[in-house]
């Protein structure tokens, strides 16, 4: 069936250096899944945290499904992420020791199931962001030059 990307957190790639990623499942209500399939998700402000040995996704906005009626859950409620215990402990240990953070980078459907990619990331300083933009524009200009040459 393959992978269908629902949303990509571009601001995470702009604001953080991505060190390592982890694919997790997510605990959702039925109407949330329907809303996600329609692409009504925002990961821009979202972050992850480990509480009592379990991984949670905070501030992820999933718009209420219109046909759900009054039973629609809170759009920004904390959602539990599903991963193996040793993976959670490894990520949380590295995050605490090295001053890193856990950031959701993308949400996608894989074989009909909603998955969230969580990244272990280090925050960028302003000069790092500028350097990344310079490198990106240089690559784009090089691609344009090659394209115009042919």
Protein backbone atom coordinates (compact mmCIF):
# COMPACT_ATOMS: atom_id res chain seq x y z
CA UNK A 1 0.00 0.00 0.00
CA UNK A 2 2.93 2.35 0.67
CA UNK A 3 3.40 5.65 2.42
CA UNK A 4 1.29 8.80 2.03
CA UNK A 5 2.73 11.88 3.75
CA UNK A 6 -0.02 13.88 5.48
CA UNK A 7 2.05 16.76 6.85
CA UNK A 8 5.71 17.72 7.10
CA UNK A 9 7.07 19.96 9.85
CA UNK A 10 9.30 22.28 7.82
CA UNK A 11 9.83 24.67 10.71
CA UNK A 12 11.44 21.84 12.70
CA UNK A 13 14.05 21.39 9.96
CA UNK A 14 14.61 25.16 9.91
CA UNK A 15 14.92 25.56 13.70
CA UNK A 16 16.75 22.33 14.60
CA UNK A 17 19.61 20.08 13.52
CA UNK A 18 18.04 16.63 13.10
CA UNK A 19 20.30 14.00 14.67
CA UNK A 20 18.24 10.81 14.66
CA UNK A 21 14.63 9.84 13.84
CA UNK A 22 12.18 7.29 15.20
CA UNK A 23 8.93 6.03 13.64
CA UNK A 24 6.10 5.83 16.16
CA UNK A 25 2.43 4.98 16.09
CA UNK A 26 -0.10 7.32 17.68
CA UNK A 27 -3.21 6.68 19.80
CA UNK A 28 -6.18 8.47 18.15
CA UNK A 29 -9.97 8.58 18.28
CA UNK A 30 -11.92 7.54 15.16
CA UNK A 31 -12.94 11.04 14.10
CA UNK A 32 -9.31 12.21 14.42
CA UNK A 33 -8.20 9.56 11.94
CA UNK A 34 -10.78 10.77 9.42
CA UNK A 35 -9.64 14.36 9.90
CA UNK A 36 -5.98 13.31 9.45
CA UNK A 37 -6.84 11.50 6.21
CA UNK A 38 -8.25 14.83 4.96
CA UNK A 39 -4.95 16.53 5.86
CA UNK A 40 -6.33 18.74 8.64
CA UNK A 41 -3.22 18.51 10.86
CA UNK A 42 -0.71 21.11 12.03
CA UNK A 43 2.63 20.03 13.53
CA UNK A 44 4.21 23.49 13.51
CA UNK A 45 3.94 24.14 17.29
CA UNK A 46 4.11 20.47 18.32
CA UNK A 47 6.70 18.88 20.60
CA UNK A 48 7.22 15.54 22.33
CA UNK A 49 7.95 14.71 25.95
CA UNK A 50 8.51 11.54 27.97
CA UNK A 51 6.25 11.21 31.05
CA UNK A 52 6.43 8.12 33.28
CA UNK A 53 8.31 6.16 30.62
CA UNK A 54 5.72 6.92 27.91
CA UNK A 55 6.13 9.24 24.93
CA UNK A 56 3.50 11.94 24.35
CA UNK A 57 2.82 14.41 21.54
CA UNK A 58 1.76 17.89 22.72
CA UNK A 59 0.29 20.90 20.84
CA UNK A 60 -0.42 18.94 17.65
CA UNK A 61 -3.59 20.49 16.25
CA UNK A 62 -5.97 18.04 14.55
CA UNK A 63 -9.06 19.90 13.36
CA UNK A 64 -12.39 18.37 14.42
CA UNK A 65 -14.08 16.21 11.81
CA UNK A 66 -17.20 18.07 10.61
CA UNK A 67 -19.46 15.01 10.50
CA UNK A 68 -18.42 13.84 13.99
CA UNK A 69 -21.01 16.00 15.73
CA UNK A 70 -20.55 16.99 19.36
CA UNK A 71 -18.42 13.98 20.26
CA UNK A 72 -15.29 15.44 18.64
CA UNK A 73 -12.24 15.35 20.98
CA UNK A 74 -10.17 18.41 21.93
CA UNK A 75 -8.06 19.44 18.88
CA UNK A 76 -4.82 19.98 20.86
CA UNK A 77 -5.09 17.26 23.50
CA UNK A 78 -1.91 15.30 24.38
CA UNK A 79 -1.65 12.11 22.35
CA UNK A 80 0.29 9.02 23.34
CA UNK A 81 2.94 7.85 20.88
CA UNK A 82 3.62 4.14 20.54
CA UNK A 83 7.21 2.92 20.49
CA UNK A 84 9.26 0.19 22.13
CA UNK A 85 10.29 0.89 25.72
CA UNK A 86 14.01 0.66 24.95
CA UNK A 87 13.67 3.17 22.08
CA UNK A 88 11.85 5.62 24.35
CA UNK A 89 14.46 5.23 27.09
CA UNK A 90 17.31 5.66 24.59
CA UNK A 91 15.82 8.84 23.11
CA UNK A 92 14.86 10.38 26.45
CA UNK A 93 18.27 9.55 27.96
CA UNK A 94 20.12 11.20 25.09
CA UNK A 95 17.78 14.19 25.20
CA UNK A 96 18.44 14.76 28.92
CA UNK A 97 22.21 14.17 28.83
CA UNK A 98 23.08 16.15 25.71
CA UNK A 99 20.52 18.95 26.03
CA UNK A 100 18.53 17.81 22.99
CA UNK A 101 14.80 17.89 22.33
CA UNK A 102 12.22 15.59 20.78
CA UNK A 103 10.40 17.13 17.80
CA UNK A 104 7.79 15.58 15.47
CA UNK A 105 9.00 16.02 11.89
CA UNK A 106 6.24 14.39 9.84
CA UNK A 107 2.94 12.56 10.02
CA UNK A 108 2.05 9.98 7.40
CA UNK A 109 -0.07 6.95 6.61
CA UNK A 110 1.78 3.66 6.30
CA UNK A 111 -0.30 0.65 5.29
CA UNK A 112 -3.43 2.46 6.47
CA UNK A 113 -2.03 3.36 9.91
CA UNK A 114 -1.11 6.84 11.12
CA UNK A 115 2.58 7.18 11.97
CA UNK A 116 4.54 10.10 13.42
CA UNK A 117 8.26 10.54 12.82
CA UNK A 118 9.92 11.88 15.96
CA UNK A 119 13.40 13.36 15.73
CA UNK A 120 16.09 13.86 18.31
CA UNK A 121 17.15 17.42 17.54
CA UNK A 122 19.49 20.20 18.64
CA UNK A 123 18.35 23.83 18.41
CA UNK A 124 19.95 26.09 15.82
CA UNK A 125 21.33 29.52 16.64
CA UNK A 126 20.56 32.48 14.39
CA UNK A 127 23.93 32.22 12.60
CA UNK A 128 23.30 28.52 11.94
CA UNK A 129 19.95 29.34 10.31
CA UNK A 130 21.61 31.97 8.12
CA UNK A 131 24.31 29.50 7.10
CA UNK A 132 21.66 26.90 6.19
CA UNK A 133 19.82 29.46 4.04
CA UNK A 134 23.07 30.42 2.27
CA UNK A 135 23.84 26.79 1.49
CA UNK A 136 20.29 26.21 0.25
CA UNK A 137 20.36 29.25 -2.08
CA UNK A 138 23.81 28.25 -3.39
CA UNK A 139 22.51 24.76 -4.21
CA UNK A 140 19.43 26.22 -5.90
CA UNK A 141 21.55 28.60 -8.01
CA UNK A 142 23.87 25.75 -9.02
CA UNK A 143 20.85 23.66 -10.07
CA UNK A 144 19.48 26.60 -12.08
CA UNK A 145 22.83 27.13 -13.80
CA UNK A 146 23.02 23.45 -14.79
CA UNK A 147 19.44 23.52 -15.99
CA UNK A 148 19.98 26.67 -18.10
CA UNK A 149 23.20 25.25 -19.56
CA UNK A 150 21.42 22.22 -21.01
